[in-house]
Protein backbone atom coordinates (compact mmCIF):
# COMPACT_ATOMS: atom_id res chain seq x y z
CA UNK A 1 12.26 34.76 -28.43
CA UNK A 2 11.58 31.73 -26.25
CA UNK A 3 14.40 30.82 -23.90
CA UNK A 4 15.47 27.40 -22.62
CA UNK A 5 13.65 25.95 -19.64
CA UNK A 6 15.71 25.72 -16.46
CA UNK A 7 13.68 24.20 -13.63
CA UNK A 8 14.28 25.19 -10.01
CA UNK A 9 16.09 22.74 -7.75
CA UNK A 10 13.39 21.27 -5.52
CA UNK A 11 13.40 18.69 -2.74
CA UNK A 12 10.66 16.28 -3.83
CA UNK A 13 8.92 14.75 -0.81
CA UNK A 14 5.50 14.17 -2.28
CA UNK A 15 3.91 10.96 -3.60
CA UNK A 16 6.19 10.98 -6.67
CA UNK A 17 8.18 11.73 -8.62
CA UNK A 18 10.93 11.43 -6.05
CA UNK A 19 14.35 13.08 -6.07
CA UNK A 20 16.49 11.58 -8.83
CA UNK A 21 19.95 10.38 -7.88
CA UNK A 22 22.64 12.53 -9.64
CA UNK A 23 24.15 9.32 -11.02
CA UNK A 24 20.89 8.70 -12.84
CA UNK A 25 20.73 12.23 -14.21
CA UNK A 26 24.27 11.75 -15.52
CA UNK A 27 23.25 8.49 -17.18
CA UNK A 28 20.51 10.36 -19.07
CA UNK A 29 23.13 12.61 -20.67
CA UNK A 30 25.16 9.78 -22.23
CA UNK A 31 25.28 9.54 -26.05
CA UNK A 32 22.12 8.23 -27.67
CA UNK A 33 22.54 5.08 -29.75
CA UNK A 34 20.02 3.16 -31.85
CA UNK A 35 17.35 1.07 -30.20
CA UNK A 36 18.52 -1.97 -32.22
CA UNK A 37 22.24 -1.30 -31.75
CA UNK A 38 24.00 -4.47 -30.48
CA UNK A 39 25.28 -2.52 -27.47
CA UNK A 40 21.75 -1.41 -26.60
CA UNK A 41 20.42 -4.96 -27.03
CA UNK A 42 23.03 -6.11 -24.48
CA UNK A 43 21.85 -3.34 -22.15
CA UNK A 44 18.25 -4.54 -22.56
CA UNK A 45 19.28 -7.99 -21.39
CA UNK A 46 20.91 -6.54 -18.29
CA UNK A 47 17.88 -4.35 -17.54
CA UNK A 48 15.72 -7.46 -17.70
CA UNK A 49 18.04 -9.31 -15.29
CA UNK A 50 18.03 -6.38 -12.86
CA UNK A 51 14.23 -6.06 -13.01
CA UNK A 52 13.96 -9.76 -12.20
CA UNK A 53 16.19 -9.06 -9.18
CA UNK A 54 14.07 -6.09 -8.06
CA UNK A 55 10.80 -7.99 -8.47
CA UNK A 56 12.34 -11.18 -7.00
CA UNK A 57 11.19 -13.29 -9.93
CA UNK A 58 12.52 -15.61 -12.58
CA UNK A 59 9.67 -14.73 -14.97
CA UNK A 60 10.91 -14.70 -18.56
CA UNK A 61 8.27 -12.11 -19.46
CA UNK A 62 9.79 -9.25 -17.47
CA UNK A 63 10.47 -5.89 -19.15
CA UNK A 64 10.09 -2.12 -18.90
CA UNK A 65 7.09 -0.70 -20.78
CA UNK A 66 8.10 2.51 -22.57
CA UNK A 67 5.49 4.63 -20.77
CA UNK A 68 4.52 5.65 -17.20
CA UNK A 69 3.20 3.36 -14.45
CA UNK A 70 -0.39 3.86 -15.61
CA UNK A 71 0.59 2.18 -18.89
CA UNK A 72 2.03 -0.71 -16.87
CA UNK A 73 -1.37 -1.08 -15.25
CA UNK A 74 -3.12 -0.97 -18.61
CA UNK A 75 -0.64 -3.49 -20.08
CA UNK A 76 -1.59 -6.03 -17.42
CA UNK A 77 -5.33 -5.60 -17.90
CA UNK A 78 -5.49 -5.44 -21.71
CA UNK A 79 -3.27 -8.49 -22.12
CA UNK A 80 -5.09 -10.73 -19.63
CA UNK A 81 -8.72 -9.65 -20.11
CA UNK A 82 -11.16 -10.27 -22.93
CA UNK A 83 -14.74 -9.06 -23.35
CA UNK A 84 -17.11 -10.81 -20.93
CA UNK A 85 -14.45 -11.76 -18.37
CA UNK A 86 -15.22 -11.22 -14.70
CA UNK A 87 -12.68 -9.55 -12.38
CA UNK A 88 -12.68 -9.13 -8.59
CA UNK A 89 -11.31 -5.60 -8.04
CA UNK A 90 -10.24 -4.45 -4.58
CA UNK A 91 -10.57 -0.74 -3.86
CA UNK A 92 -9.23 1.00 -0.75
CA UNK A 93 -8.09 4.22 -2.44
CA UNK A 94 -7.83 6.04 -5.76
CA UNK A 95 -5.85 3.46 -7.69
CA UNK A 96 -8.22 0.55 -7.08
CA UNK A 97 -10.77 2.75 -8.82
CA UNK A 98 -8.47 3.09 -11.80
CA UNK A 99 -8.25 -0.70 -11.96
CA UNK A 100 -12.05 -0.79 -12.22
CA UNK A 101 -11.93 1.64 -15.16
CA UNK A 102 -9.39 -0.56 -16.94
CA UNK A 103 -11.57 -3.64 -16.45
CA UNK A 104 -14.62 -1.93 -17.89
CA UNK A 105 -12.74 -0.49 -20.86
CA UNK A 106 -11.67 -4.06 -21.71
CA UNK A 107 -15.36 -5.03 -21.91
CA UNK A 108 -15.07 -7.09 -18.75
CA UNK A 109 -17.16 -7.00 -15.56
CA UNK A 110 -15.75 -5.60 -12.31
CA UNK A 111 -16.95 -7.10 -9.01
CA UNK A 112 -15.89 -4.57 -6.37
CA UNK A 113 -14.53 -5.37 -2.91
CA UNK A 114 -14.52 -2.09 -0.99
CA UNK A 115 -12.49 -1.13 2.08
CA UNK A 116 -12.12 2.18 3.89
CA UNK A 117 -9.39 4.50 2.64
CA UNK A 118 -6.30 4.06 4.79
CA UNK A 119 -7.15 0.43 5.59
CA UNK A 120 -5.61 -2.62 3.90
CA UNK A 121 -7.64 -4.86 1.62
CA UNK A 122 -9.57 -7.32 3.81
CA UNK A 123 -8.73 -10.92 2.77
CA UNK A 124 -12.00 -12.19 4.29
CA UNK A 125 -14.02 -9.95 1.98
CA UNK A 126 -11.92 -11.06 -0.98
CA UNK A 127 -12.44 -14.72 -0.14
CA UNK A 128 -16.20 -14.16 0.11
CA UNK A 129 -16.22 -12.45 -3.30
CA UNK A 130 -14.21 -15.28 -4.87
CA UNK A 131 -16.61 -17.87 -3.45
CA UNK A 132 -19.61 -15.90 -4.70
CA UNK A 133 -18.06 -15.57 -8.17
CA UNK A 134 -16.46 -18.93 -9.06
CA UNK A 135 -16.27 -17.85 -12.71
CA UNK A 136 -13.99 -14.88 -11.95
CA UNK A 137 -10.83 -14.87 -14.08
CA UNK A 138 -8.70 -12.29 -12.23
CA UNK A 139 -8.23 -10.80 -8.77
CA UNK A 140 -6.79 -7.26 -8.95
CA UNK A 141 -5.50 -5.19 -6.03
CA UNK A 142 -3.08 -2.42 -5.13
CA UNK A 143 -0.21 -3.57 -2.92
CA UNK A 144 0.81 -0.04 -1.85
CA UNK A 145 -2.00 2.50 -2.18
CA UNK A 146 -0.34 5.81 -3.03
CA UNK A 147 -3.43 7.85 -2.22
CA UNK A 148 -3.55 6.72 1.43
CA UNK A 149 -0.13 5.37 2.47
CA UNK A 150 -1.46 1.90 3.34
CA UNK A 151 -0.23 -1.47 2.10
CA UNK A 152 -2.06 -4.79 1.86
CA UNK A 153 -1.04 -8.42 2.36
CA UNK A 154 -0.07 -9.35 -1.19
CA UNK A 155 1.08 -12.85 -0.22
CA UNK A 156 -2.31 -13.73 1.27
CA UNK A 157 -4.31 -12.14 -1.54
CA UNK A 158 -2.32 -13.86 -4.30
CA UNK A 159 -2.71 -17.18 -2.45
CA UNK A 160 -6.50 -16.67 -2.36
CA UNK A 161 -6.51 -15.98 -6.10
CA UNK A 162 -4.61 -19.17 -6.78
CA UNK A 163 -6.86 -21.23 -4.46
CA UNK A 164 -9.87 -20.10 -6.48
CA UNK A 165 -8.30 -20.59 -9.91
CA UNK A 166 -7.82 -16.87 -10.57
CA UNK A 167 -4.96 -14.90 -12.02
CA UNK A 168 -3.71 -12.00 -9.89
CA UNK A 169 -2.88 -8.46 -11.05
CA UNK A 170 -0.86 -6.46 -8.50
CA UNK A 171 0.02 -2.75 -8.44
CA UNK A 172 3.49 -2.23 -6.92
CA UNK A 173 4.08 1.28 -8.28
CA UNK A 174 4.89 2.73 -4.86
CA UNK A 175 6.23 -0.43 -3.20
CA UNK A 176 9.00 -1.64 -5.53
CA UNK A 177 12.34 -0.90 -3.87
CA UNK A 178 10.75 0.55 -0.71
CA UNK A 179 9.17 -2.47 0.95
CA UNK A 180 9.29 -6.17 0.18
CA UNK A 181 8.02 -7.14 -3.27
CA UNK A 182 8.36 -10.89 -3.82
CA UNK A 183 6.62 -11.81 -7.05
CA UNK A 184 7.61 -15.50 -7.07
CA UNK A 185 7.13 -15.87 -3.31
CA UNK A 186 3.66 -14.37 -3.56
CA UNK A 187 2.78 -16.43 -6.63
CA UNK A 188 1.62 -13.23 -8.37
CA UNK A 189 0.72 -13.44 -12.06
CA UNK A 190 0.93 -9.89 -13.43
CA UNK A 191 2.75 -7.15 -11.55
CA UNK A 192 3.46 -3.59 -12.62
CA UNK A 193 5.39 -0.69 -11.15
CA UNK A 194 6.85 2.72 -12.01
CA UNK A 195 10.33 4.18 -12.04
CA UNK A 196 9.60 7.54 -10.39
CA UNK A 197 9.01 6.34 -6.82
CA UNK A 198 11.44 4.20 -4.80
CA UNK A 199 13.70 3.52 -7.77
CA UNK A 200 14.45 7.28 -7.85
CA UNK A 201 14.52 7.23 -11.63
CA UNK A 202 12.90 9.71 -14.01
CA UNK A 203 9.17 9.24 -14.71
CA UNK A 204 8.05 7.56 -17.89
CA UNK A 205 8.88 3.83 -17.62
CA UNK A 206 6.74 1.01 -16.21
CA UNK A 207 8.46 -2.24 -15.19
CA UNK A 208 6.11 -5.23 -15.60
CA UNK A 209 6.42 -8.95 -15.06
CA UNK A 210 4.11 -11.83 -16.04
CA UNK A 211 4.17 -15.36 -14.64
CA UNK A 212 4.39 -18.36 -17.03
CA UNK A 213 0.68 -18.96 -16.31
CA UNK A 214 -0.19 -15.40 -17.32
CA UNK A 215 2.05 -15.59 -20.40
CA UNK A 216 0.18 -18.70 -21.51
CA UNK A 217 -3.16 -16.90 -21.14
CA UNK A 218 -1.81 -14.06 -23.30
CA UNK A 219 -0.57 -16.45 -25.98
CA UNK A 220 -3.91 -18.32 -26.13
CA UNK A 221 -6.29 -15.36 -26.27
CA UNK A 222 -9.43 -15.72 -28.40
CA UNK A 223 -9.31 -12.04 -29.40
CA UNK A 224 -6.51 -9.62 -30.25
CA UNK A 225 -5.19 -7.43 -27.43
CA UNK A 226 -7.11 -4.16 -27.80
CA UNK A 227 -3.92 -2.08 -27.55
CA UNK A 228 -1.39 -2.61 -30.32
CA UNK A 229 1.34 -0.74 -28.43
CA UNK A 230 0.89 -2.76 -25.21
CA UNK A 231 0.39 -6.19 -26.80
CA UNK A 232 2.93 -8.44 -25.10
CA UNK A 233 2.80 -10.91 -27.98
CA UNK A 234 4.33 -8.14 -30.15
CA UNK A 235 6.56 -6.49 -27.55
CA UNK A 236 8.32 -9.74 -26.72
CA UNK A 237 9.65 -9.85 -30.25
CA UNK A 238 11.66 -6.79 -29.24
CA UNK A 239 12.30 -7.51 -25.53
CA UNK A 240 12.59 -11.31 -25.85
CA UNK A 241 15.75 -13.22 -25.07
CA UNK A 242 16.84 -13.88 -28.67
CA UNK A 243 19.81 -12.07 -30.14
CA UNK A 244 17.72 -11.07 -33.16
CA UNK A 245 15.20 -8.42 -32.13
CA UNK A 246 12.12 -7.49 -34.14
CA UNK A 247 11.39 -3.77 -34.35
CA UNK A 248 8.28 -2.88 -32.37
CA UNK A 249 8.80 0.72 -31.24
CA UNK A 250 11.68 3.09 -30.65
CA UNK A 251 12.54 2.57 -27.01
CA UNK A 252 13.38 5.70 -24.97
CA UNK A 253 17.09 4.91 -25.15
CA UNK A 254 18.39 7.50 -22.68
CA UNK A 255 15.59 6.77 -20.21
CA UNK A 256 16.68 3.13 -20.34
CA UNK A 257 20.22 4.21 -19.41
CA UNK A 258 18.65 5.93 -16.40
CA UNK A 259 16.60 2.86 -15.44
CA UNK A 260 19.67 0.65 -15.73
CA UNK A 261 21.66 2.99 -13.46
CA UNK A 262 18.85 3.08 -10.89
CA UNK A 263 18.71 -0.72 -10.80
CA UNK A 264 22.51 -0.96 -10.45
CA UNK A 265 22.25 1.35 -7.43
CA UNK A 266 19.47 -0.82 -5.93
CA UNK A 267 21.46 -4.00 -6.54
CA UNK A 268 24.56 -2.51 -4.90
CA UNK A 269 22.62 -1.41 -1.82
CA UNK A 270 20.69 -4.67 -1.60
CA UNK A 271 16.94 -5.12 -1.33
CA UNK A 272 16.90 -5.76 2.43
CA UNK A 273 19.13 -2.76 3.09
CA UNK A 274 16.88 -0.52 0.99
CA UNK A 275 13.77 -1.68 2.85
CA UNK A 276 15.50 -1.12 6.20
CA UNK A 277 16.61 2.37 5.20
CA UNK A 278 13.06 3.32 4.22
CA UNK A 279 11.72 1.90 7.51
CA UNK A 280 14.26 3.81 9.63
CA UNK A 281 13.61 7.15 7.94
CA UNK A 282 9.86 6.64 8.27
CA UNK A 283 10.23 5.95 11.98
CA UNK A 284 12.29 9.12 12.45
CA UNK A 285 9.82 11.24 10.47
CA UNK A 286 6.78 9.82 12.27
CA UNK A 287 8.43 10.33 15.67
CA UNK A 288 9.26 13.93 14.81
CA UNK A 289 5.76 14.63 13.51
CA UNK A 290 4.20 13.11 16.63
CA UNK A 291 6.44 15.25 18.86
CA UNK A 292 5.24 18.30 16.92
CA UNK A 293 1.63 17.25 17.54
CA UNK A 294 0.87 15.88 14.05
CA UNK A 295 -0.54 12.43 13.40
CA UNK A 296 0.12 9.75 10.78
CA UNK A 297 -3.36 8.63 9.74
CA UNK A 298 -2.52 5.01 8.86
CA UNK A 299 -1.98 2.40 11.56
CA UNK A 300 1.65 1.28 11.86
CA UNK A 301 0.68 -2.34 11.13
CA UNK A 302 -0.04 -1.45 7.49
CA UNK A 303 1.66 1.95 7.08
CA UNK A 304 3.94 2.51 4.09
CA UNK A 305 7.35 3.80 5.21
CA UNK A 306 7.87 5.53 1.85
CA UNK A 307 4.50 7.37 1.77
CA UNK A 308 3.38 9.04 4.99
CA UNK A 309 -0.21 10.28 5.21
CA UNK A 310 -0.34 13.11 7.77
CA UNK A 311 -3.56 14.60 9.19
CA UNK A 312 -3.84 18.34 8.56
CA UNK A 313 -4.44 20.16 11.88
CA UNK A 314 -7.81 21.86 12.39
CA UNK A 315 -7.95 25.37 11.01
CA UNK A 316 -4.83 24.99 8.87
CA UNK A 317 -5.06 25.91 5.19
CA UNK A 318 -3.76 22.88 3.28
CA UNK A 319 -2.91 24.69 0.04
CA UNK A 320 -1.32 27.65 1.83
CA UNK A 321 1.07 25.38 3.73
CA UNK A 322 2.12 23.52 0.60
CA UNK A 323 2.55 26.78 -1.28
CA UNK A 324 4.76 28.27 1.43
CA UNK A 325 6.88 25.11 1.62
CA UNK A 326 7.38 25.25 -2.14
CA UNK A 327 8.09 28.98 -2.37
CA UNK A 328 10.11 29.46 0.82
CA UNK A 329 11.93 26.13 1.05
CA UNK A 330 11.74 24.65 -2.48
CA UNK A 331 10.13 21.65 -0.74
CA UNK A 332 7.27 19.73 -2.35
CA UNK A 333 4.87 17.60 -0.31
CA UNK A 334 1.67 16.10 -1.69
CA UNK A 335 -2.00 16.95 -1.23
CA UNK A 336 -4.66 14.38 -0.40
CA UNK A 337 -6.57 12.75 -3.26
CA UNK A 338 -10.25 11.91 -3.59
CA UNK A 339 -11.93 11.35 -0.23
CA UNK A 340 -8.77 12.58 1.55
CA UNK A 341 -8.44 15.89 -0.34
CA UNK A 342 -7.94 18.71 2.16
CA UNK A 343 -7.63 16.24 5.04
CA UNK A 344 -4.09 14.93 4.71
CA UNK A 345 -0.65 15.74 3.37
CA UNK A 346 1.26 12.94 1.70
CA UNK A 347 4.95 13.08 2.59
CA UNK A 348 7.16 10.82 0.52
CA UNK A 349 10.43 9.25 1.63
CA UNK A 350 11.24 7.40 -1.56
CA UNK A 351 14.47 5.98 -2.91
CA UNK A 352 17.28 8.55 -3.03
CA UNK A 353 14.98 10.98 -1.18
CA UNK A 354 14.64 8.65 1.80
CA UNK A 355 17.44 10.12 3.91
CA UNK A 356 18.12 11.58 7.33
CA UNK A 357 18.87 14.93 5.69
CA UNK A 358 15.42 15.09 4.08
CA UNK A 359 13.63 13.96 7.25
CA UNK A 360 15.19 16.77 9.30
CA UNK A 361 14.73 19.34 6.54
CA UNK A 362 11.03 18.49 6.16
CA UNK A 363 10.38 18.59 9.91
CA UNK A 364 12.08 21.96 10.32
CA UNK A 365 10.37 23.53 7.28
CA UNK A 366 6.94 22.22 8.27
CA UNK A 367 7.37 23.35 11.88
CA UNK A 368 8.46 26.84 10.87
CA UNK A 369 5.61 27.19 8.37
CA UNK A 370 2.89 25.96 10.73
CA UNK A 371 4.20 28.05 13.63
CA UNK A 372 4.18 31.13 11.41
CA UNK A 373 0.51 30.48 10.66
CA UNK A 374 -0.33 30.22 14.35
CA UNK A 375 -1.10 26.49 14.24
CA UNK A 376 -1.33 24.72 17.59
CA UNK A 377 1.84 22.62 17.43
CA UNK A 378 4.78 21.92 19.74
CA UNK A 379 7.86 23.78 18.53
CA UNK A 380 11.54 23.06 19.05
CA UNK A 381 11.10 19.31 19.66
CA UNK A 382 10.55 17.56 16.31
CA UNK A 383 14.14 17.45 15.05
CA UNK A 384 15.46 16.28 18.43
CA UNK A 385 12.87 13.49 18.54
CA UNK A 386 13.84 12.34 15.04
CA UNK A 387 17.55 12.45 15.85
CA UNK A 388 16.95 10.26 18.89
CA UNK A 389 15.61 7.57 16.55
CA UNK A 390 18.81 7.67 14.50
CA UNK A 391 20.91 7.56 17.69
CA UNK A 392 19.29 4.28 18.87
């Protein structure tokens, strides 16, 4: 007879999901009500308001897609693109490549702007591509590249798109709540994120927001959106501002309770305070790692505080270290992806998991594991170095 599943209690310090705040887990357990219940409709309105706060936007078309961050990405592309459109796609890691796949599956043409992994998107290359392709409809880029731990200048890139008459699609899956995301300040047109990173919510929801300019493009399409489920023209009948809601799909009611709770927590802390907390914990972790003899691979000028890419020392078995951390310490850190597989660990400090406690725990567990394997590191200094950062 099959028994119930009871997962182990882990400390999640990989690239996501992040540790979920106990308040959010409690919210999940509240009684389920109907997705058209008047009380749930009122909750939907408050979720929309809180998402506008998190994104720093007044966009009317702001809502949580009932699916993971990858569906948020797809929602932006399938709603804005039609067959034959041309899109400038920036790639400096794994997720720029996924943008390219979305473009091509929409029957559109992707013009690639390539940068080295771990580097930000180069605005000069983007400007050259826009000048060479005056008929481009969209500029797409990843604000915070989860595969490398680098972020790009979203304000400058969105401004370039606007200067050249393009819409902008921006991936903020790893940045929302962890570093500044300013949709209206950037002038971004379509922005998507995920709940499982710096919002410390459960996976499975994708906040999205569309500017009035993007919403107009969606309304005036020549062809139907290729995805029925992600068609914003249909979804807004359910998530729109009217009291009367048209049934589109059964929203994940309890997951929406969790999202609402996570956004209440973010609002109470304040955006600036959240960004500062992530920055401080990153500085402490990086200082401790450096004292140990390990190196963050991304330059500080464009390094994500919530996703730290750490070079694996020569001769160290990547998988063996991660396995020992998981089995001996119940600690999860992430492997490298794509071109960085086997070369880096990705250590997340996201949302609820971005804390002094986790920084010190990770440093001590990593030091003990590496020392036990005979790695050439400095022992007994990492925690003290990190604590000195907090004492400043």
